[in-house]
Amino acid sequence: MSSDDASSSWPGAGTDPPRDIDTGVPQSARIWNYWLGGKNNYPVDRAAGDEVLRVYPRMPDAARAARHFIARVVRHLVAEAGIRQFLDVGTGLPTVDNTHEIAQRAAPECKVVYVDNDPLVLAHARALLTSSPEGVTVYVDADLHDPETILREAGRTLDFGRPTALMLMGILGHIDHDVALTIVPRLMAGLPSGSYLGIYDFTDTGAGVKEAERLYEESGTLPYHPRPLEKIAALFQGLEPVPPGVVEVSRWRPDPSPLPQTPVDVAGGVARKP
C-alpha cells in the first residue's frame, strides 16, 4: 500500500503503548490506519485488515479515495462556502492533511473541534493535532451516541451562532441506520442556518463488500455496516444538497487529472442547512 500517513506515528513509537490501550483486540481506527499504509497499528490490527483484504483487495483504493474526498470537501467549504468552523466527529487517527491542516492552510483563522472516544486517538490528537497560531484545534472525548454532550463540549470552542461544518466521515456505518437518522438531525439542530453537513460511508453493492463486512465483524472490532447509496442520501433529509449531491466519492468535485478516476464502494456528499 502507498501511504497517506506514513509520517504519522504515535507518541513514543517503538516503546510500550499507553496502559489503557488494548493491543490484543483489533480496533477500527488502527485497521483503517493499516489500510492507508500507516504505522499506527499492531499485529492484531494487521491480521484483521489482511482478512478483509483477502476478500476485498480494493480496500486501500477505497480508503485513499475517502481521504481525498475529505480534503476536497474541506477545501470547498472554506474557499467557496466561507466556513471557518468545523466539528469533526469520529476523527480517527491523525493522518497527513487532517481537517484542520487543510482548513487552516486555506484560512488560518479556522477553528476545528475533533470528537472521538478512543484512547489511542486521544493520545495521537494531543501530540499531533497542532493548530495554526491564528486558529484553534481541540479534541473532545465524547461518544457519537450523545449528541448533546458533543454540542455542549464543542460549544466551548466553536461559536454556534456562526455557520459550522459537521463532518461525519466514515463513522455512521458503525451505528444502526435508524439510530443514525436520529443522531444526525440532533447534531444539526445545534448548528445555525448556513451550516453544512459532510458524510461519506461505504456502500454495499460492490463485489466482496458483504464478505468483508462479515470478516470485519468476526475480528472482534466495532462492526461496520455498508449501506445502499439511497440510505446514505437519506441522512441529508431537510438539507440543501451541494451539487453533485450524494455520489461515489471519486465523482464528487474531482480534482483535474489526466488519469481516470478509480470507482470505489464509498459514497458521500455535502448539504447546507437552510
C-alpha atoms as a PDB file:
ATOM      1  CA  MET A   1       0.000   0.000   0.000  1.00  0.00           C
ATOM      2  CA  SER A   2       1.144   3.525  -0.640  1.00  0.00           C
ATOM      3  CA  SER A   3       0.952   5.690   2.460  1.00  0.00           C
ATOM      4  CA  ASP A   4      -1.340   8.619   3.089  1.00  0.00           C
ATOM      5  CA  ASP A   5       0.034   8.983   6.581  1.00  0.00           C
ATOM      6  CA  ALA A   6       3.454   7.361   6.678  1.00  0.00           C
ATOM      7  CA  SER A   7       4.863  10.345   8.529  1.00  0.00           C
ATOM      8  CA  SER A   8       2.362   9.906  11.347  1.00  0.00           C
ATOM      9  CA  SER A   9       3.436   7.742  14.272  1.00  0.00           C
ATOM     10  CA  TRP A  10       2.077   7.529  17.761  1.00  0.00           C
ATOM     11  CA  PRO A  11       3.911   9.311  20.573  1.00  0.00           C
ATOM     12  CA  GLY A  12       6.615   7.033  21.861  1.00  0.00           C
ATOM     13  CA  ALA A  13       6.623   4.784  18.812  1.00  0.00           C
ATOM     14  CA  GLY A  14       8.912   1.858  19.456  1.00  0.00           C
ATOM     15  CA  THR A  15       8.065   1.858  23.170  1.00  0.00           C
ATOM     16  CA  ASP A  16       5.233   0.213  25.050  1.00  0.00           C
ATOM     17  CA  PRO A  17       1.776   1.637  24.212  1.00  0.00           C
ATOM     18  CA  PRO A  18      -0.180   3.549  26.861  1.00  0.00           C
ATOM     19  CA  ARG A  19      -1.630   1.287  29.549  1.00  0.00           C
ATOM     20  CA  ASP A  20      -5.268   1.982  28.651  1.00  0.00           C
ATOM     21  CA  ILE A  21      -4.801   0.802  25.043  1.00  0.00           C
ATOM     22  CA  ASP A  22      -5.675  -2.846  24.405  1.00  0.00           C
ATOM     23  CA  THR A  23      -3.325  -4.217  21.742  1.00  0.00           C
ATOM     24  CA  GLY A  24      -4.847  -7.704  21.926  1.00  0.00           C
ATOM     25  CA  VAL A  25      -8.112  -6.747  20.233  1.00  0.00           C
ATOM     26  CA  PRO A  26      -8.279  -5.164  16.761  1.00  0.00           C
ATOM     27  CA  GLN A  27      -9.532  -1.601  16.680  1.00  0.00           C
ATOM     28  CA  SER A  28     -11.222   0.105  13.740  1.00  0.00           C
ATOM     29  CA  ALA A  29      -9.098   3.268  13.662  1.00  0.00           C
ATOM     30  CA  ARG A  30      -5.884   1.214  13.711  1.00  0.00           C
ATOM     31  CA  ILE A  31      -7.136  -1.154  10.981  1.00  0.00           C
ATOM     32  CA  TRP A  32      -8.054   1.854   8.845  1.00  0.00           C
ATOM     33  CA  ASN A  33      -4.577   3.263   9.517  1.00  0.00           C
ATOM     34  CA  TYR A  34      -3.072  -0.011   8.276  1.00  0.00           C
ATOM     35  CA  TRP A  35      -5.109   0.085   5.068  1.00  0.00           C
ATOM     36  CA  LEU A  36      -3.818   3.608   4.451  1.00  0.00           C
ATOM     37  CA  GLY A  37      -0.246   2.362   4.803  1.00  0.00           C
ATOM     38  CA  GLY A  38       0.353   3.945   8.205  1.00  0.00           C
ATOM     39  CA  LYS A  39       2.367   2.751  11.189  1.00  0.00           C
ATOM     40  CA  ASN A  40      -0.116   3.318  13.999  1.00  0.00           C
ATOM     41  CA  ASN A  41      -1.304  -0.268  14.314  1.00  0.00           C
ATOM     42  CA  TYR A  42      -0.423  -3.599  15.926  1.00  0.00           C
ATOM     43  CA  PRO A  43      -0.172  -7.201  14.676  1.00  0.00           C
ATOM     44  CA  VAL A  44      -3.771  -7.920  15.672  1.00  0.00           C
ATOM     45  CA  ASP A  45      -4.962  -4.979  13.563  1.00  0.00           C
ATOM     46  CA  ARG A  46      -2.890  -6.055  10.567  1.00  0.00           C
ATOM     47  CA  ALA A  47      -4.218  -9.597  10.830  1.00  0.00           C
ATOM     48  CA  ALA A  48      -7.817  -8.355  10.838  1.00  0.00           C
ATOM     49  CA  GLY A  49      -7.059  -5.979   7.993  1.00  0.00           C
ATOM     50  CA  ASP A  50      -5.456  -8.738   5.939  1.00  0.00           C
ATOM     51  CA  GLU A  51      -8.540 -10.929   6.330  1.00  0.00           C
ATOM     52  CA  VAL A  52     -10.631  -8.172   4.773  1.00  0.00           C
ATOM     53  CA  LEU A  53      -8.061  -7.584   2.016  1.00  0.00           C
ATOM     54  CA  ARG A  54      -8.225 -11.271   1.144  1.00  0.00           C
ATOM     55  CA  VAL A  55     -11.852 -10.911   0.008  1.00  0.00           C
ATOM     56  CA  TYR A  56     -11.843  -7.194  -0.787  1.00  0.00           C
ATOM     57  CA  PRO A  57      -8.422  -6.215  -2.174  1.00  0.00           C
ATOM     58  CA  ARG A  58      -9.686  -2.809  -3.308  1.00  0.00           C
ATOM     59  CA  MET A  59      -9.886  -1.551   0.275  1.00  0.00           C
ATOM     60  CA  PRO A  60      -6.684   0.568   0.063  1.00  0.00           C
ATOM     61  CA  ASP A  61      -8.090   2.308  -3.021  1.00  0.00           C
ATOM     62  CA  ALA A  62     -11.335   2.960  -1.163  1.00  0.00           C
ATOM     63  CA  ALA A  63      -9.509   4.283   1.905  1.00  0.00           C
ATOM     64  CA  ARG A  64      -7.419   6.685  -0.154  1.00  0.00           C
ATOM     65  CA  ALA A  65     -10.430   7.851  -2.172  1.00  0.00           C
ATOM     66  CA  ALA A  66     -12.268   8.586   1.079  1.00  0.00           C
ATOM     67  CA  ARG A  67      -9.326  10.635   2.396  1.00  0.00           C
ATOM     68  CA  HIS A  68      -9.124  12.629  -0.837  1.00  0.00           C
ATOM     69  CA  PHE A  69     -12.876  13.255  -0.659  1.00  0.00           C
ATOM     70  CA  ILE A  70     -12.490  14.767   2.814  1.00  0.00           C
ATOM     71  CA  ALA A  71      -9.772  17.089   1.515  1.00  0.00           C
ATOM     72  CA  ARG A  72     -11.953  18.301  -1.367  1.00  0.00           C
ATOM     73  CA  VAL A  73     -14.927  18.813   0.943  1.00  0.00           C
ATOM     74  CA  VAL A  74     -12.925  20.915   3.391  1.00  0.00           C
ATOM     75  CA  ARG A  75     -11.368  22.997   0.619  1.00  0.00           C
ATOM     76  CA  HIS A  76     -14.810  23.641  -0.879  1.00  0.00           C
ATOM     77  CA  LEU A  77     -16.335  24.601   2.456  1.00  0.00           C
ATOM     78  CA  VAL A  78     -13.551  27.053   3.283  1.00  0.00           C
ATOM     79  CA  ALA A  79     -12.890  28.566  -0.132  1.00  0.00           C
ATOM     80  CA  GLU A  80     -16.381  28.571  -1.657  1.00  0.00           C
ATOM     81  CA  ALA A  81     -18.821  28.390   1.265  1.00  0.00           C
ATOM     82  CA  GLY A  82     -16.874  30.642   3.625  1.00  0.00           C
ATOM     83  CA  ILE A  83     -16.931  28.182   6.537  1.00  0.00           C
ATOM     84  CA  ARG A  84     -14.432  28.855   9.320  1.00  0.00           C
ATOM     85  CA  GLN A  85     -15.620  26.334  11.937  1.00  0.00           C
ATOM     86  CA  PHE A  86     -15.553  22.531  11.738  1.00  0.00           C
ATOM     87  CA  LEU A  87     -16.953  19.878  14.069  1.00  0.00           C
ATOM     88  CA  ASP A  88     -15.308  16.608  13.000  1.00  0.00           C
ATOM     89  CA  VAL A  89     -16.934  13.648  14.786  1.00  0.00           C
ATOM     90  CA  GLY A  90     -15.253  10.236  14.679  1.00  0.00           C
ATOM     91  CA  THR A  91     -11.966  11.733  13.602  1.00  0.00           C
ATOM     92  CA  GLY A  92      -9.894   8.544  13.921  1.00  0.00           C
ATOM     93  CA  LEU A  93      -6.107   8.552  13.981  1.00  0.00           C
ATOM     94  CA  PRO A  94      -4.359  11.656  12.630  1.00  0.00           C
ATOM     95  CA  THR A  95      -3.032  11.323   9.081  1.00  0.00           C
ATOM     96  CA  VAL A  96      -1.420  13.642   6.573  1.00  0.00           C
ATOM     97  CA  ASP A  97      -3.748  16.543   5.716  1.00  0.00           C
ATOM     98  CA  ASN A  98      -6.166  16.325   8.596  1.00  0.00           C
ATOM     99  CA  THR A  99      -9.249  18.551   8.548  1.00  0.00           C
ATOM    100  CA  HIS A 100      -7.612  21.382  10.490  1.00  0.00           C
ATOM    101  CA  GLU A 101      -4.491  21.363   8.310  1.00  0.00           C
ATOM    102  CA  ILE A 102      -6.493  21.659   5.092  1.00  0.00           C
ATOM    103  CA  ALA A 103      -8.831  24.284   6.533  1.00  0.00           C
ATOM    104  CA  GLN A 104      -6.132  26.408   8.151  1.00  0.00           C
ATOM    105  CA  ARG A 105      -3.959  26.240   5.050  1.00  0.00           C
ATOM    106  CA  ALA A 106      -6.784  27.980   3.199  1.00  0.00           C
ATOM    107  CA  ALA A 107      -7.866  30.222   6.099  1.00  0.00           C
ATOM    108  CA  PRO A 108      -5.510  30.211   9.119  1.00  0.00           C
ATOM    109  CA  GLU A 109      -8.241  31.515  11.452  1.00  0.00           C
ATOM    110  CA  CYS A 110     -10.334  28.338  11.138  1.00  0.00           C
ATOM    111  CA  LYS A 111     -11.419  26.599  14.327  1.00  0.00           C
ATOM    112  CA  VAL A 112     -11.654  22.802  14.367  1.00  0.00           C
ATOM    113  CA  VAL A 113     -13.039  20.562  17.100  1.00  0.00           C
ATOM    114  CA  TYR A 114     -12.329  16.847  16.740  1.00  0.00           C
ATOM    115  CA  VAL A 115     -14.511  14.320  18.574  1.00  0.00           C
ATOM    116  CA  ASP A 116     -13.688  10.687  19.327  1.00  0.00           C
ATOM    117  CA  ASN A 117     -13.796   8.348  22.305  1.00  0.00           C
ATOM    118  CA  ASP A 118     -10.836   6.061  21.626  1.00  0.00           C
ATOM    119  CA  PRO A 119      -7.816   6.388  23.973  1.00  0.00           C
ATOM    120  CA  LEU A 120      -5.272   5.801  21.195  1.00  0.00           C
ATOM    121  CA  VAL A 121      -6.850   8.525  19.080  1.00  0.00           C
ATOM    122  CA  LEU A 122      -6.725  10.827  22.113  1.00  0.00           C
ATOM    123  CA  ALA A 123      -3.011  10.123  22.619  1.00  0.00           C
ATOM    124  CA  HIS A 124      -2.284  10.958  18.991  1.00  0.00           C
ATOM    125  CA  ALA A 125      -4.514  14.004  18.982  1.00  0.00           C
ATOM    126  CA  ARG A 126      -2.814  15.575  21.960  1.00  0.00           C
ATOM    127  CA  ALA A 127       0.599  15.139  20.386  1.00  0.00           C
ATOM    128  CA  LEU A 128      -0.074  15.772  16.710  1.00  0.00           C
ATOM    129  CA  LEU A 129      -3.136  17.949  16.202  1.00  0.00           C
ATOM    130  CA  THR A 130      -1.470  21.329  16.493  1.00  0.00           C
ATOM    131  CA  SER A 131      -3.150  24.474  15.241  1.00  0.00           C
ATOM    132  CA  SER A 132      -2.088  27.493  13.241  1.00  0.00           C
ATOM    133  CA  PRO A 133      -1.335  30.480  15.515  1.00  0.00           C
ATOM    134  CA  GLU A 134      -4.414  32.290  14.211  1.00  0.00           C
ATOM    135  CA  GLY A 135      -6.804  29.354  14.565  1.00  0.00           C
ATOM    136  CA  VAL A 136      -7.811  26.739  17.130  1.00  0.00           C
ATOM    137  CA  THR A 137      -7.652  22.943  17.119  1.00  0.00           C
ATOM    138  CA  VAL A 138      -9.003  20.977  20.086  1.00  0.00           C
ATOM    139  CA  TYR A 139     -10.088  17.420  20.857  1.00  0.00           C
ATOM    140  CA  VAL A 140     -13.299  16.427  22.667  1.00  0.00           C
ATOM    141  CA  ASP A 141     -13.601  12.993  24.257  1.00  0.00           C
ATOM    142  CA  ALA A 142     -17.247  12.116  23.588  1.00  0.00           C
ATOM    143  CA  ASP A 143     -19.448   9.443  22.029  1.00  0.00           C
ATOM    144  CA  LEU A 144     -21.425   9.787  18.801  1.00  0.00           C
ATOM    145  CA  HIS A 145     -24.482   8.417  20.613  1.00  0.00           C
ATOM    146  CA  ASP A 146     -24.503  11.504  22.861  1.00  0.00           C
ATOM    147  CA  PRO A 147     -25.035  14.495  20.527  1.00  0.00           C
ATOM    148  CA  GLU A 148     -25.940  16.856  23.354  1.00  0.00           C
ATOM    149  CA  THR A 149     -22.581  16.299  25.078  1.00  0.00           C
ATOM    150  CA  ILE A 150     -20.759  16.735  21.775  1.00  0.00           C
ATOM    151  CA  LEU A 151     -22.501  20.052  21.134  1.00  0.00           C
ATOM    152  CA  ARG A 152     -22.029  21.255  24.690  1.00  0.00           C
ATOM    153  CA  GLU A 153     -18.307  20.494  24.774  1.00  0.00           C
ATOM    154  CA  ALA A 154     -17.657  21.719  21.230  1.00  0.00           C
ATOM    155  CA  GLY A 155     -19.517  24.911  22.082  1.00  0.00           C
ATOM    156  CA  ARG A 156     -16.725  25.798  24.485  1.00  0.00           C
ATOM    157  CA  THR A 157     -14.557  26.409  21.403  1.00  0.00           C
ATOM    158  CA  LEU A 158     -16.926  26.972  18.486  1.00  0.00           C
ATOM    159  CA  ASP A 159     -19.420  29.822  18.193  1.00  0.00           C
ATOM    160  CA  PHE A 160     -22.667  28.109  17.246  1.00  0.00           C
ATOM    161  CA  GLY A 161     -24.106  31.469  16.301  1.00  0.00           C
ATOM    162  CA  ARG A 162     -21.918  31.202  13.186  1.00  0.00           C
ATOM    163  CA  PRO A 163     -22.186  28.619  10.365  1.00  0.00           C
ATOM    164  CA  THR A 164     -20.291  25.426  11.142  1.00  0.00           C
ATOM    165  CA  ALA A 165     -19.467  22.319   9.132  1.00  0.00           C
ATOM    166  CA  LEU A 166     -20.364  18.995  10.743  1.00  0.00           C
ATOM    167  CA  MET A 167     -18.132  16.203   9.426  1.00  0.00           C
ATOM    168  CA  LEU A 168     -19.330  12.605   9.856  1.00  0.00           C
ATOM    169  CA  MET A 169     -16.816  10.839   7.674  1.00  0.00           C
ATOM    170  CA  GLY A 170     -16.892   7.038   7.671  1.00  0.00           C
ATOM    171  CA  ILE A 171     -18.402   6.883  11.142  1.00  0.00           C
ATOM    172  CA  LEU A 172     -22.151   6.341  10.692  1.00  0.00           C
ATOM    173  CA  GLY A 173     -21.694   2.793   9.373  1.00  0.00           C
ATOM    174  CA  HIS A 174     -20.767   1.847  12.944  1.00  0.00           C
ATOM    175  CA  ILE A 175     -24.311   2.502  14.136  1.00  0.00           C
ATOM    176  CA  ASP A 176     -27.753   1.263  13.110  1.00  0.00           C
ATOM    177  CA  HIS A 177     -29.253   3.243  10.242  1.00  0.00           C
ATOM    178  CA  ASP A 178     -32.395   4.115  12.176  1.00  0.00           C
ATOM    179  CA  VAL A 179     -30.228   5.437  15.011  1.00  0.00           C
ATOM    180  CA  ALA A 180     -28.148   7.456  12.566  1.00  0.00           C
ATOM    181  CA  LEU A 181     -31.352   9.015  11.222  1.00  0.00           C
ATOM    182  CA  THR A 182     -31.999  10.421  14.703  1.00  0.00           C
ATOM    183  CA  ILE A 183     -28.429  11.388  15.667  1.00  0.00           C
ATOM    184  CA  VAL A 184     -27.664  13.453  12.565  1.00  0.00           C
ATOM    185  CA  PRO A 185     -30.678  15.791  12.996  1.00  0.00           C
ATOM    186  CA  ARG A 186     -29.906  16.190  16.696  1.00  0.00           C
ATOM    187  CA  LEU A 187     -26.388  17.348  15.868  1.00  0.00           C
ATOM    188  CA  MET A 188     -27.552  19.608  13.042  1.00  0.00           C
ATOM    189  CA  ALA A 189     -30.236  21.118  15.317  1.00  0.00           C
ATOM    190  CA  GLY A 190     -27.448  22.686  17.372  1.00  0.00           C
ATOM    191  CA  LEU A 191     -25.961  24.444  14.325  1.00  0.00           C
ATOM    192  CA  PRO A 192     -27.330  27.636  12.742  1.00  0.00           C
ATOM    193  CA  SER A 193     -28.698  28.244   9.271  1.00  0.00           C
ATOM    194  CA  GLY A 194     -25.900  28.280   6.710  1.00  0.00           C
ATOM    195  CA  SER A 195     -24.110  25.354   8.351  1.00  0.00           C
ATOM    196  CA  TYR A 196     -23.092  22.293   6.356  1.00  0.00           C
ATOM    197  CA  LEU A 197     -23.091  18.526   6.766  1.00  0.00           C
ATOM    198  CA  GLY A 198     -20.480  16.303   5.127  1.00  0.00           C
ATOM    199  CA  ILE A 199     -20.794  12.491   5.136  1.00  0.00           C
ATOM    200  CA  TYR A 200     -19.209   9.523   3.481  1.00  0.00           C
ATOM    201  CA  ASP A 201     -19.764   5.840   4.138  1.00  0.00           C
ATOM    202  CA  PHE A 202     -19.250   2.546   2.357  1.00  0.00           C
ATOM    203  CA  THR A 203     -21.926   1.249   0.023  1.00  0.00           C
ATOM    204  CA  ASP A 204     -22.966  -2.375  -0.005  1.00  0.00           C
ATOM    205  CA  THR A 205     -23.228  -3.305  -3.672  1.00  0.00           C
ATOM    206  CA  GLY A 206     -19.616  -3.996  -4.675  1.00  0.00           C
ATOM    207  CA  ALA A 207     -18.165  -7.473  -5.120  1.00  0.00           C
ATOM    208  CA  GLY A 208     -16.720  -8.732  -1.847  1.00  0.00           C
ATOM    209  CA  VAL A 209     -18.217  -5.984   0.329  1.00  0.00           C
ATOM    210  CA  LYS A 210     -20.640  -8.253   2.192  1.00  0.00           C
ATOM    211  CA  GLU A 211     -17.964 -10.863   2.899  1.00  0.00           C
ATOM    212  CA  ALA A 212     -15.572  -8.130   4.021  1.00  0.00           C
ATOM    213  CA  GLU A 213     -18.250  -6.819   6.385  1.00  0.00           C
ATOM    214  CA  ARG A 214     -18.693 -10.303   7.883  1.00  0.00           C
ATOM    215  CA  LEU A 215     -14.966 -10.866   8.394  1.00  0.00           C
ATOM    216  CA  TYR A 216     -14.527  -7.398   9.867  1.00  0.00           C
ATOM    217  CA  GLU A 217     -17.237  -8.058  12.434  1.00  0.00           C
ATOM    218  CA  GLU A 218     -15.867 -11.513  13.261  1.00  0.00           C
ATOM    219  CA  SER A 219     -12.452  -9.975  14.035  1.00  0.00           C
ATOM    220  CA  GLY A 220     -13.907  -8.530  17.244  1.00  0.00           C
ATOM    221  CA  THR A 221     -13.659  -4.867  16.334  1.00  0.00           C
ATOM    222  CA  LEU A 222     -16.614  -2.486  16.289  1.00  0.00           C
ATOM    223  CA  PRO A 223     -18.902  -3.709  13.477  1.00  0.00           C
ATOM    224  CA  TYR A 224     -19.317  -1.577  10.371  1.00  0.00           C
ATOM    225  CA  HIS A 225     -22.322  -1.883   8.070  1.00  0.00           C
ATOM    226  CA  PRO A 226     -22.141  -0.597   4.464  1.00  0.00           C
ATOM    227  CA  ARG A 227     -25.453   0.758   3.140  1.00  0.00           C
ATOM    228  CA  PRO A 228     -27.181   1.436  -0.160  1.00  0.00           C
ATOM    229  CA  LEU A 229     -26.396   4.877  -1.547  1.00  0.00           C
ATOM    230  CA  GLU A 230     -30.061   5.798  -1.049  1.00  0.00           C
ATOM    231  CA  LYS A 231     -29.761   5.280   2.719  1.00  0.00           C
ATOM    232  CA  ILE A 232     -26.658   7.465   2.863  1.00  0.00           C
ATOM    233  CA  ALA A 233     -28.551  10.145   0.926  1.00  0.00           C
ATOM    234  CA  ALA A 234     -31.434   9.887   3.429  1.00  0.00           C
ATOM    235  CA  LEU A 235     -29.119  11.167   6.170  1.00  0.00           C
ATOM    236  CA  PHE A 236     -29.222  14.600   4.480  1.00  0.00           C
ATOM    237  CA  GLN A 237     -33.008  14.891   4.787  1.00  0.00           C
ATOM    238  CA  GLY A 238     -34.185  18.503   5.145  1.00  0.00           C
ATOM    239  CA  LEU A 239     -30.885  19.953   3.899  1.00  0.00           C
ATOM    240  CA  GLU A 240     -29.964  21.552   0.577  1.00  0.00           C
ATOM    241  CA  PRO A 241     -27.543  19.304  -1.354  1.00  0.00           C
ATOM    242  CA  VAL A 242     -24.382  20.781  -2.792  1.00  0.00           C
ATOM    243  CA  PRO A 243     -24.008  19.608  -6.410  1.00  0.00           C
ATOM    244  CA  PRO A 244     -23.426  16.893  -7.499  1.00  0.00           C
ATOM    245  CA  GLY A 245     -25.317  15.535  -4.482  1.00  0.00           C
ATOM    246  CA  VAL A 246     -24.583  12.169  -2.880  1.00  0.00           C
ATOM    247  CA  VAL A 247     -22.413  10.208  -5.288  1.00  0.00           C
ATOM    248  CA  GLU A 248     -19.485   7.802  -5.370  1.00  0.00           C
ATOM    249  CA  VAL A 249     -16.761   9.859  -3.682  1.00  0.00           C
ATOM    250  CA  SER A 250     -14.350   9.915  -6.638  1.00  0.00           C
ATOM    251  CA  ARG A 251     -17.093  11.703  -8.610  1.00  0.00           C
ATOM    252  CA  TRP A 252     -17.654  14.448  -6.028  1.00  0.00           C
ATOM    253  CA  ARG A 253     -15.971  17.567  -7.451  1.00  0.00           C
ATOM    254  CA  PRO A 254     -12.861  15.645  -8.551  1.00  0.00           C
ATOM    255  CA  ASP A 255      -9.568  17.473  -8.945  1.00  0.00           C
ATOM    256  CA  PRO A 256      -8.437  17.875 -12.561  1.00  0.00           C
ATOM    257  CA  SER A 257      -6.423  14.830 -13.607  1.00  0.00           C
ATOM    258  CA  PRO A 258      -5.462  13.201 -16.906  1.00  0.00           C
ATOM    259  CA  LEU A 259      -5.995   9.819 -15.257  1.00  0.00           C
ATOM    260  CA  PRO A 260      -9.417   8.158 -14.964  1.00  0.00           C
ATOM    261  CA  GLN A 261     -10.985   8.050 -11.511  1.00  0.00           C
ATOM    262  CA  THR A 262     -10.949   4.622  -9.860  1.00  0.00           C
ATOM    263  CA  PRO A 263     -14.512   3.685  -8.865  1.00  0.00           C
ATOM    264  CA  VAL A 264     -14.828   2.685  -5.205  1.00  0.00           C
ATOM    265  CA  ASP A 265     -17.643   1.430  -2.994  1.00  0.00           C
ATOM    266  CA  VAL A 266     -17.837   4.651  -0.997  1.00  0.00           C
ATOM    267  CA  ALA A 267     -20.483   7.344  -1.390  1.00  0.00           C
ATOM    268  CA  GLY A 268     -20.638  10.798   0.100  1.00  0.00           C
ATOM    269  CA  GLY A 269     -21.905  14.298  -0.217  1.00  0.00           C
ATOM    270  CA  VAL A 270     -22.339  17.716   1.336  1.00  0.00           C
ATOM    271  CA  ALA A 271     -25.505  19.662   2.116  1.00  0.00           C
ATOM    272  CA  ARG A 272     -26.384  23.070   3.550  1.00  0.00           C
ATOM    273  CA  LYS A 273     -28.798  23.776   6.371  1.00  0.00           C
ATOM    274  CA  PRO A 274     -31.352  26.320   5.097  1.00  0.00           C
END
